[in-house]
């Protein structure tokens, strides 16, 4: 690692990593040790992305599907246009062979279009605790990956959604692995902010952890050094409920701002809060920095509507495009 002069602890050790992602008692994995950073706090001020324009992908799955249907299924194509015409975040995980090039190309395309990139970093070790979105890399692999990701920003202002569920779902990890995870988050925040990232940490959703519990997790990950936190990613909670929850969390973390994923919350959650491709849901408010509260920096479509939550109830694997689900979201959309 180059280090870039940042105040973090990275030590090379002469050892062989345990199989898989196992973490030794001293925190060493793949010949690296990660410790807590000493990043300075980001002052809580106004909205750092106020007035931003967000990018609509002209080659999205939704656009391609709508165009395919236009001649033979015009009503369905018009509904799918509701998905295709709205800005959505771009996700990056370990499948990118060259993460620097992938991020650099994405940021270049979006900034050249006069918009601000919205990027999701999703490659943390033990991702999703081995669940339907399992994946991620090793600790050493992540340190190299997130440095390359950050360098891809190239000093250009970009919104970075850092590791959805990484803090809220970390109870599956041992105490040592939890410590390593929060240290990796802190490390990532420093690298990303040094390269122009406006960085938000995992705040879960209003139906998951209590505000005090979530605030403790954010504090442990040094949310003070980030721009704020994100809520409702890949979930369906109503915006009003999410704002109330976010304000309760914010009160406990120094007044930090937050953003809300509104991509699929137009009709809220199911009565039992199903999270894996629940039926009867709808698109929510399009991406915008014009929100209902001064603490809410933006509504964003972070989870791409129509990309599966996982292989439940006959659905395809997590992240795979599912046109029928996207169509249903659009048909039930209140706008």
C-alpha atoms as a PDB file:
ATOM      1  CA  UNK A   1       0.000   0.000   0.000  1.00  0.00           C
ATOM      2  CA  UNK A   2       1.243   3.473  -0.765  1.00  0.00           C
ATOM      3  CA  UNK A   3      -0.061   5.006   2.473  1.00  0.00           C
ATOM      4  CA  UNK A   4      -0.571   8.456   0.891  1.00  0.00           C
ATOM      5  CA  UNK A   5       0.587  10.062   4.133  1.00  0.00           C
ATOM      6  CA  UNK A   6      -2.673   9.228   5.910  1.00  0.00           C
ATOM      7  CA  UNK A   7      -2.686   8.493   9.620  1.00  0.00           C
ATOM      8  CA  UNK A   8      -3.549   4.831   9.692  1.00  0.00           C
ATOM      9  CA  UNK A   9      -1.739   1.790  11.014  1.00  0.00           C
ATOM     10  CA  UNK A  10      -0.674  -0.744   8.415  1.00  0.00           C
ATOM     11  CA  UNK A  11       2.027  -3.246   9.347  1.00  0.00           C
ATOM     12  CA  UNK A  12       3.412  -6.048   7.242  1.00  0.00           C
ATOM     13  CA  UNK A  13       3.892  -9.222   9.206  1.00  0.00           C
ATOM     14  CA  UNK A  14       5.788 -12.417   8.426  1.00  0.00           C
ATOM     15  CA  UNK A  15       3.014 -14.937   8.627  1.00  0.00           C
ATOM     16  CA  UNK A  16       0.792 -17.054   6.466  1.00  0.00           C
ATOM     17  CA  UNK A  17      -2.896 -16.169   6.505  1.00  0.00           C
ATOM     18  CA  UNK A  18      -5.354 -18.709   7.754  1.00  0.00           C
ATOM     19  CA  UNK A  19      -7.691 -20.270   5.220  1.00  0.00           C
ATOM     20  CA  UNK A  20     -10.462 -18.101   3.850  1.00  0.00           C
ATOM     21  CA  UNK A  21     -11.021 -14.823   5.702  1.00  0.00           C
ATOM     22  CA  UNK A  22     -10.011 -16.034   9.166  1.00  0.00           C
ATOM     23  CA  UNK A  23      -8.447 -13.338  11.314  1.00  0.00           C
ATOM     24  CA  UNK A  24      -5.592 -14.054  13.693  1.00  0.00           C
ATOM     25  CA  UNK A  25      -5.732 -12.740  17.287  1.00  0.00           C
ATOM     26  CA  UNK A  26      -3.445  -9.843  16.357  1.00  0.00           C
ATOM     27  CA  UNK A  27      -5.712  -8.881  13.445  1.00  0.00           C
ATOM     28  CA  UNK A  28      -3.323 -10.052  10.735  1.00  0.00           C
ATOM     29  CA  UNK A  29      -4.709 -11.466   7.506  1.00  0.00           C
ATOM     30  CA  UNK A  30      -2.915 -11.968   4.205  1.00  0.00           C
ATOM     31  CA  UNK A  31       0.265 -10.389   5.603  1.00  0.00           C
ATOM     32  CA  UNK A  32      -1.424  -7.178   6.711  1.00  0.00           C
ATOM     33  CA  UNK A  33      -2.610  -5.712   9.973  1.00  0.00           C
ATOM     34  CA  UNK A  34      -5.203  -2.969  10.112  1.00  0.00           C
ATOM     35  CA  UNK A  35      -5.711  -0.770  13.140  1.00  0.00           C
ATOM     36  CA  UNK A  36      -8.019   2.157  13.955  1.00  0.00           C
ATOM     37  CA  UNK A  37      -7.348   5.372  12.087  1.00  0.00           C
ATOM     38  CA  UNK A  38      -6.986   8.857  13.477  1.00  0.00           C
ATOM     39  CA  UNK A  39      -9.006  10.685  10.838  1.00  0.00           C
ATOM     40  CA  UNK A  40     -10.145  14.215  11.704  1.00  0.00           C
ATOM     41  CA  UNK A  41     -13.874  14.804  12.086  1.00  0.00           C
ATOM     42  CA  UNK A  42     -15.868  16.301   9.237  1.00  0.00           C
ATOM     43  CA  UNK A  43     -17.690  19.374  10.552  1.00  0.00           C
ATOM     44  CA  UNK A  44     -21.459  19.171  10.412  1.00  0.00           C
ATOM     45  CA  UNK A  45     -22.543  22.031   8.188  1.00  0.00           C
ATOM     46  CA  UNK A  46     -24.881  22.291   5.226  1.00  0.00           C
ATOM     47  CA  UNK A  47     -25.711  19.686   2.628  1.00  0.00           C
ATOM     48  CA  UNK A  48     -22.431  18.823   0.819  1.00  0.00           C
ATOM     49  CA  UNK A  49     -24.263  17.789  -2.362  1.00  0.00           C
ATOM     50  CA  UNK A  50     -27.096  20.323  -2.417  1.00  0.00           C
ATOM     51  CA  UNK A  51     -28.346  21.035  -5.920  1.00  0.00           C
ATOM     52  CA  UNK A  52     -26.481  18.095  -7.436  1.00  0.00           C
ATOM     53  CA  UNK A  53     -27.670  16.576 -10.682  1.00  0.00           C
ATOM     54  CA  UNK A  54     -27.726  12.787 -10.798  1.00  0.00           C
ATOM     55  CA  UNK A  55     -26.874  10.640 -13.811  1.00  0.00           C
ATOM     56  CA  UNK A  56     -29.339   8.498 -15.762  1.00  0.00           C
ATOM     57  CA  UNK A  57     -27.683   5.523 -17.445  1.00  0.00           C
ATOM     58  CA  UNK A  58     -28.714   5.427 -21.124  1.00  0.00           C
ATOM     59  CA  UNK A  59     -27.734   1.764 -21.320  1.00  0.00           C
ATOM     60  CA  UNK A  60     -29.418   0.463 -18.165  1.00  0.00           C
ATOM     61  CA  UNK A  61     -31.218  -2.878 -18.058  1.00  0.00           C
ATOM     62  CA  UNK A  62     -34.478  -1.006 -17.648  1.00  0.00           C
ATOM     63  CA  UNK A  63     -33.835   1.106 -20.762  1.00  0.00           C
ATOM     64  CA  UNK A  64     -32.845  -1.907 -22.847  1.00  0.00           C
ATOM     65  CA  UNK A  65     -35.910  -3.803 -21.664  1.00  0.00           C
ATOM     66  CA  UNK A  66     -38.262  -0.891 -22.376  1.00  0.00           C
ATOM     67  CA  UNK A  67     -36.830  -0.511 -25.877  1.00  0.00           C
ATOM     68  CA  UNK A  68     -37.258  -4.237 -26.534  1.00  0.00           C
ATOM     69  CA  UNK A  69     -40.906  -4.071 -25.487  1.00  0.00           C
ATOM     70  CA  UNK A  70     -41.789  -0.799 -27.186  1.00  0.00           C
ATOM     71  CA  UNK A  71     -43.248  -2.248 -30.406  1.00  0.00           C
ATOM     72  CA  UNK A  72     -45.026  -5.297 -28.980  1.00  0.00           C
ATOM     73  CA  UNK A  73     -45.766  -4.291 -25.357  1.00  0.00           C
ATOM     74  CA  UNK A  74     -46.154  -0.512 -25.460  1.00  0.00           C
ATOM     75  CA  UNK A  75     -47.959  -0.191 -22.113  1.00  0.00           C
ATOM     76  CA  UNK A  76     -45.317  -2.236 -20.333  1.00  0.00           C
ATOM     77  CA  UNK A  77     -42.561  -0.274 -22.073  1.00  0.00           C
ATOM     78  CA  UNK A  78     -44.099   2.995 -20.860  1.00  0.00           C
ATOM     79  CA  UNK A  79     -44.201   1.646 -17.324  1.00  0.00           C
ATOM     80  CA  UNK A  80     -40.597   0.452 -17.540  1.00  0.00           C
ATOM     81  CA  UNK A  81     -39.612   3.939 -18.674  1.00  0.00           C
ATOM     82  CA  UNK A  82     -40.382   5.064 -15.109  1.00  0.00           C
ATOM     83  CA  UNK A  83     -37.415   2.978 -14.002  1.00  0.00           C
ATOM     84  CA  UNK A  84     -35.201   3.755 -16.978  1.00  0.00           C
ATOM     85  CA  UNK A  85     -35.622   7.529 -16.777  1.00  0.00           C
ATOM     86  CA  UNK A  86     -34.442   7.864 -13.175  1.00  0.00           C
ATOM     87  CA  UNK A  87     -30.918   8.105 -11.786  1.00  0.00           C
ATOM     88  CA  UNK A  88     -29.577   5.101  -9.924  1.00  0.00           C
ATOM     89  CA  UNK A  89     -26.377   4.333  -8.027  1.00  0.00           C
ATOM     90  CA  UNK A  90     -23.613   2.250  -9.567  1.00  0.00           C
ATOM     91  CA  UNK A  91     -22.430  -0.752  -7.540  1.00  0.00           C
ATOM     92  CA  UNK A  92     -18.870  -2.082  -7.424  1.00  0.00           C
ATOM     93  CA  UNK A  93     -17.742  -5.349  -5.889  1.00  0.00           C
ATOM     94  CA  UNK A  94     -14.975  -7.879  -6.263  1.00  0.00           C
ATOM     95  CA  UNK A  95     -16.110  -8.860  -9.760  1.00  0.00           C
ATOM     96  CA  UNK A  96     -14.291  -5.857 -11.222  1.00  0.00           C
ATOM     97  CA  UNK A  97     -10.947  -7.164 -12.473  1.00  0.00           C
ATOM     98  CA  UNK A  98      -9.530  -3.645 -12.432  1.00  0.00           C
ATOM     99  CA  UNK A  99     -11.449  -1.626  -9.864  1.00  0.00           C
ATOM    100  CA  UNK A 100      -9.398   1.507 -10.502  1.00  0.00           C
ATOM    101  CA  UNK A 101     -10.335   1.518 -14.194  1.00  0.00           C
ATOM    102  CA  UNK A 102     -13.972   0.670 -13.455  1.00  0.00           C
ATOM    103  CA  UNK A 103     -14.381   3.515 -10.965  1.00  0.00           C
ATOM    104  CA  UNK A 104     -12.349   5.969 -13.015  1.00  0.00           C
ATOM    105  CA  UNK A 105     -14.431   5.245 -16.121  1.00  0.00           C
ATOM    106  CA  UNK A 106     -17.697   5.597 -14.206  1.00  0.00           C
ATOM    107  CA  UNK A 107     -16.676   8.878 -12.578  1.00  0.00           C
ATOM    108  CA  UNK A 108     -15.401  10.269 -15.869  1.00  0.00           C
ATOM    109  CA  UNK A 109     -18.632   9.413 -17.682  1.00  0.00           C
ATOM    110  CA  UNK A 110     -20.860  10.920 -15.019  1.00  0.00           C
ATOM    111  CA  UNK A 111     -18.848  14.080 -14.383  1.00  0.00           C
ATOM    112  CA  UNK A 112     -18.522  14.727 -18.122  1.00  0.00           C
ATOM    113  CA  UNK A 113     -22.322  14.639 -18.238  1.00  0.00           C
ATOM    114  CA  UNK A 114     -22.456  17.393 -15.600  1.00  0.00           C
ATOM    115  CA  UNK A 115     -23.680  15.123 -12.807  1.00  0.00           C
ATOM    116  CA  UNK A 116     -22.274  13.828  -9.528  1.00  0.00           C
ATOM    117  CA  UNK A 117     -21.453  10.104  -9.376  1.00  0.00           C
ATOM    118  CA  UNK A 118     -23.202   7.928  -6.798  1.00  0.00           C
ATOM    119  CA  UNK A 119     -21.100   4.839  -6.179  1.00  0.00           C
ATOM    120  CA  UNK A 120     -21.609   1.866  -3.868  1.00  0.00           C
ATOM    121  CA  UNK A 121     -18.525   0.094  -2.499  1.00  0.00           C
ATOM    122  CA  UNK A 122     -19.590  -3.469  -1.696  1.00  0.00           C
ATOM    123  CA  UNK A 123     -16.704  -5.870  -1.133  1.00  0.00           C
ATOM    124  CA  UNK A 124     -16.143  -6.057   2.647  1.00  0.00           C
ATOM    125  CA  UNK A 125     -14.814  -9.373   4.029  1.00  0.00           C
ATOM    126  CA  UNK A 126     -17.605 -11.732   5.195  1.00  0.00           C
ATOM    127  CA  UNK A 127     -20.128  -9.717   3.181  1.00  0.00           C
ATOM    128  CA  UNK A 128     -23.761 -10.421   4.069  1.00  0.00           C
ATOM    129  CA  UNK A 129     -22.565 -13.007   6.607  1.00  0.00           C
ATOM    130  CA  UNK A 130     -22.599 -15.642   3.883  1.00  0.00           C
ATOM    131  CA  UNK A 131     -26.256 -14.935   3.008  1.00  0.00           C
ATOM    132  CA  UNK A 132     -27.922 -14.329  -0.344  1.00  0.00           C
ATOM    133  CA  UNK A 133     -25.468 -11.518  -1.189  1.00  0.00           C
ATOM    134  CA  UNK A 134     -22.431 -13.381   0.121  1.00  0.00           C
ATOM    135  CA  UNK A 135     -19.054 -12.334  -1.198  1.00  0.00           C
ATOM    136  CA  UNK A 136     -16.307  -9.925  -0.346  1.00  0.00           C
ATOM    137  CA  UNK A 137     -12.582 -10.389  -0.147  1.00  0.00           C
ATOM    138  CA  UNK A 138      -9.911 -10.833   2.499  1.00  0.00           C
ATOM    139  CA  UNK A 139      -8.703  -8.036   4.764  1.00  0.00           C
ATOM    140  CA  UNK A 140      -5.515  -7.518   2.778  1.00  0.00           C
ATOM    141  CA  UNK A 141      -7.463  -7.791  -0.441  1.00  0.00           C
ATOM    142  CA  UNK A 142      -9.951  -5.202   0.754  1.00  0.00           C
ATOM    143  CA  UNK A 143      -7.260  -2.730   1.711  1.00  0.00           C
ATOM    144  CA  UNK A 144      -5.804  -2.917  -1.797  1.00  0.00           C
ATOM    145  CA  UNK A 145      -9.257  -2.864  -3.420  1.00  0.00           C
ATOM    146  CA  UNK A 146     -10.561   0.179  -1.555  1.00  0.00           C
ATOM    147  CA  UNK A 147      -7.339   2.092  -2.193  1.00  0.00           C
ATOM    148  CA  UNK A 148      -7.714   1.438  -5.925  1.00  0.00           C
ATOM    149  CA  UNK A 149     -11.405   2.405  -5.687  1.00  0.00           C
ATOM    150  CA  UNK A 150     -10.493   5.672  -3.974  1.00  0.00           C
ATOM    151  CA  UNK A 151      -7.772   6.433  -6.483  1.00  0.00           C
ATOM    152  CA  UNK A 152     -10.351   5.940  -9.230  1.00  0.00           C
ATOM    153  CA  UNK A 153     -12.227   8.964  -7.898  1.00  0.00           C
ATOM    154  CA  UNK A 154      -9.217  11.048  -8.844  1.00  0.00           C
ATOM    155  CA  UNK A 155     -10.115  13.983  -6.607  1.00  0.00           C
ATOM    156  CA  UNK A 156     -13.513  14.377  -8.291  1.00  0.00           C
ATOM    157  CA  UNK A 157     -16.499  14.914  -6.027  1.00  0.00           C
ATOM    158  CA  UNK A 158     -18.482  11.695  -5.763  1.00  0.00           C
ATOM    159  CA  UNK A 159     -21.046  10.287  -3.347  1.00  0.00           C
ATOM    160  CA  UNK A 160     -19.816   6.985  -1.919  1.00  0.00           C
ATOM    161  CA  UNK A 161     -22.228   4.600  -0.213  1.00  0.00           C
ATOM    162  CA  UNK A 162     -19.755   2.601   1.857  1.00  0.00           C
ATOM    163  CA  UNK A 163     -20.608  -1.069   2.412  1.00  0.00           C
ATOM    164  CA  UNK A 164     -24.373  -1.476   2.892  1.00  0.00           C
ATOM    165  CA  UNK A 165     -25.265  -3.648   5.926  1.00  0.00           C
ATOM    166  CA  UNK A 166     -21.623  -3.804   7.046  1.00  0.00           C
ATOM    167  CA  UNK A 167     -22.301  -2.234  10.445  1.00  0.00           C
ATOM    168  CA  UNK A 168     -25.913  -3.207  11.037  1.00  0.00           C
ATOM    169  CA  UNK A 169     -25.381  -6.894  10.254  1.00  0.00           C
ATOM    170  CA  UNK A 170     -22.001  -7.418  11.878  1.00  0.00           C
ATOM    171  CA  UNK A 171     -23.384  -9.374  14.859  1.00  0.00           C
ATOM    172  CA  UNK A 172     -22.630 -12.525  12.866  1.00  0.00           C
ATOM    173  CA  UNK A 173     -18.915 -11.815  13.318  1.00  0.00           C
ATOM    174  CA  UNK A 174     -16.681 -12.637  16.258  1.00  0.00           C
ATOM    175  CA  UNK A 175     -15.557  -9.763  18.461  1.00  0.00           C
ATOM    176  CA  UNK A 176     -12.153  -9.752  16.747  1.00  0.00           C
ATOM    177  CA  UNK A 177     -13.691  -9.744  13.281  1.00  0.00           C
ATOM    178  CA  UNK A 178     -16.037  -6.918  14.240  1.00  0.00           C
ATOM    179  CA  UNK A 179     -13.060  -4.859  15.332  1.00  0.00           C
ATOM    180  CA  UNK A 180     -11.311  -5.558  12.050  1.00  0.00           C
ATOM    181  CA  UNK A 181     -14.429  -4.591  10.109  1.00  0.00           C
ATOM    182  CA  UNK A 182     -14.872  -1.212  11.791  1.00  0.00           C
ATOM    183  CA  UNK A 183     -11.163  -0.543  11.332  1.00  0.00           C
ATOM    184  CA  UNK A 184     -11.529  -1.303   7.610  1.00  0.00           C
ATOM    185  CA  UNK A 185     -14.464   1.110   7.414  1.00  0.00           C
ATOM    186  CA  UNK A 186     -12.409   3.829   9.088  1.00  0.00           C
ATOM    187  CA  UNK A 187      -9.524   3.120   6.742  1.00  0.00           C
ATOM    188  CA  UNK A 188     -11.807   3.342   3.710  1.00  0.00           C
ATOM    189  CA  UNK A 189     -13.305   6.653   4.839  1.00  0.00           C
ATOM    190  CA  UNK A 190      -9.869   8.261   5.001  1.00  0.00           C
ATOM    191  CA  UNK A 191      -8.854   7.055   1.562  1.00  0.00           C
ATOM    192  CA  UNK A 192     -12.153   7.993  -0.074  1.00  0.00           C
ATOM    193  CA  UNK A 193     -12.427  11.462   1.430  1.00  0.00           C
ATOM    194  CA  UNK A 194      -8.831  12.210   0.455  1.00  0.00           C
ATOM    195  CA  UNK A 195      -9.833  11.596  -3.168  1.00  0.00           C
ATOM    196  CA  UNK A 196     -13.011  13.682  -3.256  1.00  0.00           C
ATOM    197  CA  UNK A 197     -15.506  11.206  -1.827  1.00  0.00           C
ATOM    198  CA  UNK A 198     -18.568  12.430   0.055  1.00  0.00           C
ATOM    199  CA  UNK A 199     -18.840   9.353   2.240  1.00  0.00           C
ATOM    200  CA  UNK A 200     -21.870   7.903   4.016  1.00  0.00           C
ATOM    201  CA  UNK A 201     -21.776   4.914   6.408  1.00  0.00           C
ATOM    202  CA  UNK A 202     -24.285   2.141   7.002  1.00  0.00           C
ATOM    203  CA  UNK A 203     -27.235   3.271   9.113  1.00  0.00           C
ATOM    204  CA  UNK A 204     -29.495   0.268   8.515  1.00  0.00           C
ATOM    205  CA  UNK A 205     -33.226   0.931   8.375  1.00  0.00           C
ATOM    206  CA  UNK A 206     -35.989   1.965  10.727  1.00  0.00           C
ATOM    207  CA  UNK A 207     -37.278  -1.600  11.192  1.00  0.00           C
ATOM    208  CA  UNK A 208     -33.950  -3.182  12.098  1.00  0.00           C
ATOM    209  CA  UNK A 209     -31.923  -1.822  15.034  1.00  0.00           C
ATOM    210  CA  UNK A 210     -32.898   0.769  17.624  1.00  0.00           C
ATOM    211  CA  UNK A 211     -31.623   4.295  17.081  1.00  0.00           C
ATOM    212  CA  UNK A 212     -29.304   3.989  20.079  1.00  0.00           C
ATOM    213  CA  UNK A 213     -27.891   0.668  18.878  1.00  0.00           C
ATOM    214  CA  UNK A 214     -27.314   1.979  15.349  1.00  0.00           C
ATOM    215  CA  UNK A 215     -25.733   5.156  16.666  1.00  0.00           C
ATOM    216  CA  UNK A 216     -23.311   3.082  18.750  1.00  0.00           C
ATOM    217  CA  UNK A 217     -22.271   1.146  15.656  1.00  0.00           C
ATOM    218  CA  UNK A 218     -21.738   4.336  13.688  1.00  0.00           C
ATOM    219  CA  UNK A 219     -19.756   5.875  16.522  1.00  0.00           C
ATOM    220  CA  UNK A 220     -17.566   2.791  16.729  1.00  0.00           C
ATOM    221  CA  UNK A 221     -16.813   3.150  13.001  1.00  0.00           C
ATOM    222  CA  UNK A 222     -15.935   6.840  13.532  1.00  0.00           C
ATOM    223  CA  UNK A 223     -18.853   8.355  11.635  1.00  0.00           C
ATOM    224  CA  UNK A 224     -17.456  11.701  12.805  1.00  0.00           C
ATOM    225  CA  UNK A 225     -14.843  11.365  10.048  1.00  0.00           C
ATOM    226  CA  UNK A 226     -17.513  10.709   7.390  1.00  0.00           C
ATOM    227  CA  UNK A 227     -20.088  13.038   5.889  1.00  0.00           C
ATOM    228  CA  UNK A 228     -22.983  11.112   7.376  1.00  0.00           C
ATOM    229  CA  UNK A 229     -24.872   7.847   7.085  1.00  0.00           C
ATOM    230  CA  UNK A 230     -27.341   6.168   4.725  1.00  0.00           C
ATOM    231  CA  UNK A 231     -30.677   4.532   5.477  1.00  0.00           C
ATOM    232  CA  UNK A 232     -33.076   2.049   3.887  1.00  0.00           C
ATOM    233  CA  UNK A 233     -30.684   0.669   1.269  1.00  0.00           C
ATOM    234  CA  UNK A 234     -32.385  -2.278  -0.466  1.00  0.00           C
ATOM    235  CA  UNK A 235     -35.327  -1.919   1.916  1.00  0.00           C
ATOM    236  CA  UNK A 236     -38.877  -0.609   1.728  1.00  0.00           C
ATOM    237  CA  UNK A 237     -39.531   1.569   4.781  1.00  0.00           C
ATOM    238  CA  UNK A 238     -41.630   4.689   4.273  1.00  0.00           C
ATOM    239  CA  UNK A 239     -39.682   7.902   3.862  1.00  0.00           C
ATOM    240  CA  UNK A 240     -41.484   9.647   6.722  1.00  0.00           C
ATOM    241  CA  UNK A 241     -40.653   6.815   9.131  1.00  0.00           C
ATOM    242  CA  UNK A 242     -37.088   6.764   7.894  1.00  0.00           C
ATOM    243  CA  UNK A 243     -36.653  10.496   8.458  1.00  0.00           C
ATOM    244  CA  UNK A 244     -37.913  10.168  12.031  1.00  0.00           C
ATOM    245  CA  UNK A 245     -35.532   7.280  12.650  1.00  0.00           C
ATOM    246  CA  UNK A 246     -32.619   9.055  10.980  1.00  0.00           C
ATOM    247  CA  UNK A 247     -33.120  12.136  13.134  1.00  0.00           C
ATOM    248  CA  UNK A 248     -33.081   9.957  16.255  1.00  0.00           C
ATOM    249  CA  UNK A 249     -29.793   8.400  15.128  1.00  0.00           C
ATOM    250  CA  UNK A 250     -28.383  11.788  14.122  1.00  0.00           C
ATOM    251  CA  UNK A 251     -29.125  13.192  17.576  1.00  0.00           C
ATOM    252  CA  UNK A 252     -26.802  10.524  18.982  1.00  0.00           C
ATOM    253  CA  UNK A 253     -23.930  11.008  16.500  1.00  0.00           C
ATOM    254  CA  UNK A 254     -23.328  14.729  16.646  1.00  0.00           C
ATOM    255  CA  UNK A 255     -26.035  15.849  14.249  1.00  0.00           C
ATOM    256  CA  UNK A 256     -24.691  14.030  11.209  1.00  0.00           C
ATOM    257  CA  UNK A 257     -26.754  14.242   8.018  1.00  0.00           C
ATOM    258  CA  UNK A 258     -28.099  11.215   6.164  1.00  0.00           C
ATOM    259  CA  UNK A 259     -29.421  10.052   2.814  1.00  0.00           C
ATOM    260  CA  UNK A 260     -32.349   7.728   2.114  1.00  0.00           C
ATOM    261  CA  UNK A 261     -32.792   5.002  -0.485  1.00  0.00           C
ATOM    262  CA  UNK A 262     -36.271   5.639  -1.917  1.00  0.00           C
ATOM    263  CA  UNK A 263     -35.996   3.325  -4.910  1.00  0.00           C
ATOM    264  CA  UNK A 264     -38.694   0.851  -3.816  1.00  0.00           C
ATOM    265  CA  UNK A 265     -40.541   2.437  -0.897  1.00  0.00           C
ATOM    266  CA  UNK A 266     -43.472   4.027  -2.709  1.00  0.00           C
ATOM    267  CA  UNK A 267     -45.959   1.784  -0.899  1.00  0.00           C
ATOM    268  CA  UNK A 268     -43.799   1.075   2.130  1.00  0.00           C
ATOM    269  CA  UNK A 269     -42.945  -2.401   3.457  1.00  0.00           C
ATOM    270  CA  UNK A 270     -45.107  -5.486   3.743  1.00  0.00           C
ATOM    271  CA  UNK A 271     -46.876  -5.871   7.120  1.00  0.00           C
ATOM    272  CA  UNK A 272     -44.239  -8.391   8.211  1.00  0.00           C
ATOM    273  CA  UNK A 273     -41.292  -6.407   6.794  1.00  0.00           C
ATOM    274  CA  UNK A 274     -40.231  -8.929   4.183  1.00  0.00           C
ATOM    275  CA  UNK A 275     -36.939  -7.877   2.617  1.00  0.00           C
ATOM    276  CA  UNK A 276     -36.298 -10.409  -0.167  1.00  0.00           C
ATOM    277  CA  UNK A 277     -38.217  -9.391  -3.276  1.00  0.00           C
ATOM    278  CA  UNK A 278     -41.522  -8.823  -1.452  1.00  0.00           C
ATOM    279  CA  UNK A 279     -44.614  -8.672  -3.620  1.00  0.00           C
ATOM    280  CA  UNK A 280     -46.765  -5.584  -4.059  1.00  0.00           C
ATOM    281  CA  UNK A 281     -44.082  -2.903  -3.669  1.00  0.00           C
ATOM    282  CA  UNK A 282     -43.648   0.258  -5.748  1.00  0.00           C
ATOM    283  CA  UNK A 283     -41.105   2.813  -6.885  1.00  0.00           C
ATOM    284  CA  UNK A 284     -40.483   5.742  -4.548  1.00  0.00           C
ATOM    285  CA  UNK A 285     -39.438   9.380  -4.889  1.00  0.00           C
ATOM    286  CA  UNK A 286     -36.818   9.925  -7.631  1.00  0.00           C
ATOM    287  CA  UNK A 287     -33.286  10.997  -6.761  1.00  0.00           C
ATOM    288  CA  UNK A 288     -33.098  14.580  -5.548  1.00  0.00           C
ATOM    289  CA  UNK A 289     -31.422  16.814  -2.989  1.00  0.00           C
ATOM    290  CA  UNK A 290     -34.754  18.570  -2.421  1.00  0.00           C
ATOM    291  CA  UNK A 291     -35.939  16.710   0.650  1.00  0.00           C
ATOM    292  CA  UNK A 292     -38.397  17.101   3.505  1.00  0.00           C
ATOM    293  CA  UNK A 293     -35.811  17.798   6.204  1.00  0.00           C
ATOM    294  CA  UNK A 294     -32.579  19.771   6.477  1.00  0.00           C
ATOM    295  CA  UNK A 295     -30.782  16.692   7.846  1.00  0.00           C
ATOM    296  CA  UNK A 296     -31.628  14.653   4.737  1.00  0.00           C
ATOM    297  CA  UNK A 297     -29.002  15.381   2.100  1.00  0.00           C
ATOM    298  CA  UNK A 298     -30.722  13.413  -0.661  1.00  0.00           C
ATOM    299  CA  UNK A 299     -33.230  10.845  -1.721  1.00  0.00           C
ATOM    300  CA  UNK A 300     -31.372   8.369  -3.941  1.00  0.00           C
ATOM    301  CA  UNK A 301     -32.186   5.210  -5.824  1.00  0.00           C
ATOM    302  CA  UNK A 302     -29.332   3.165  -4.373  1.00  0.00           C
ATOM    303  CA  UNK A 303     -30.772  -0.303  -4.893  1.00  0.00           C
ATOM    304  CA  UNK A 304     -31.535  -0.619  -8.596  1.00  0.00           C
ATOM    305  CA  UNK A 305     -35.266  -1.372  -8.959  1.00  0.00           C
ATOM    306  CA  UNK A 306     -35.564  -4.714 -10.695  1.00  0.00           C
ATOM    307  CA  UNK A 307     -32.285  -6.183  -9.504  1.00  0.00           C
ATOM    308  CA  UNK A 308     -33.088  -9.191  -7.339  1.00  0.00           C
ATOM    309  CA  UNK A 309     -32.524  -9.222  -3.585  1.00  0.00           C
ATOM    310  CA  UNK A 310     -31.590 -12.888  -3.806  1.00  0.00           C
ATOM    311  CA  UNK A 311     -32.774 -16.310  -4.897  1.00  0.00           C
ATOM    312  CA  UNK A 312     -35.920 -16.449  -2.797  1.00  0.00           C
ATOM    313  CA  UNK A 313     -39.409 -17.448  -3.987  1.00  0.00           C
ATOM    314  CA  UNK A 314     -38.226 -18.330  -7.465  1.00  0.00           C
ATOM    315  CA  UNK A 315     -36.251 -15.114  -7.983  1.00  0.00           C
ATOM    316  CA  UNK A 316     -32.815 -15.000  -9.625  1.00  0.00           C
ATOM    317  CA  UNK A 317     -29.625 -14.547  -7.636  1.00  0.00           C
ATOM    318  CA  UNK A 318     -28.887 -11.298  -5.828  1.00  0.00           C
ATOM    319  CA  UNK A 319     -28.099  -8.453  -8.198  1.00  0.00           C
ATOM    320  CA  UNK A 320     -29.462 -10.179 -11.300  1.00  0.00           C
ATOM    321  CA  UNK A 321     -31.888  -8.139 -13.416  1.00  0.00           C
ATOM    322  CA  UNK A 322     -35.499  -9.310 -13.065  1.00  0.00           C
ATOM    323  CA  UNK A 323     -37.678  -7.450 -15.544  1.00  0.00           C
ATOM    324  CA  UNK A 324     -41.004  -8.718 -14.208  1.00  0.00           C
ATOM    325  CA  UNK A 325     -40.251  -7.418 -10.719  1.00  0.00           C
ATOM    326  CA  UNK A 326     -39.186  -4.040 -12.081  1.00  0.00           C
ATOM    327  CA  UNK A 327     -42.370  -3.870 -14.124  1.00  0.00           C
ATOM    328  CA  UNK A 328     -44.512  -4.512 -11.072  1.00  0.00           C
ATOM    329  CA  UNK A 329     -42.721  -1.793  -9.111  1.00  0.00           C
ATOM    330  CA  UNK A 330     -43.343   0.644 -11.940  1.00  0.00           C
ATOM    331  CA  UNK A 331     -46.974  -0.317 -12.497  1.00  0.00           C
ATOM    332  CA  UNK A 332     -47.767   0.226  -8.818  1.00  0.00           C
ATOM    333  CA  UNK A 333     -45.767   3.442  -8.585  1.00  0.00           C
ATOM    334  CA  UNK A 334     -47.856   6.354  -7.268  1.00  0.00           C
ATOM    335  CA  UNK A 335     -46.128   8.706  -9.740  1.00  0.00           C
END
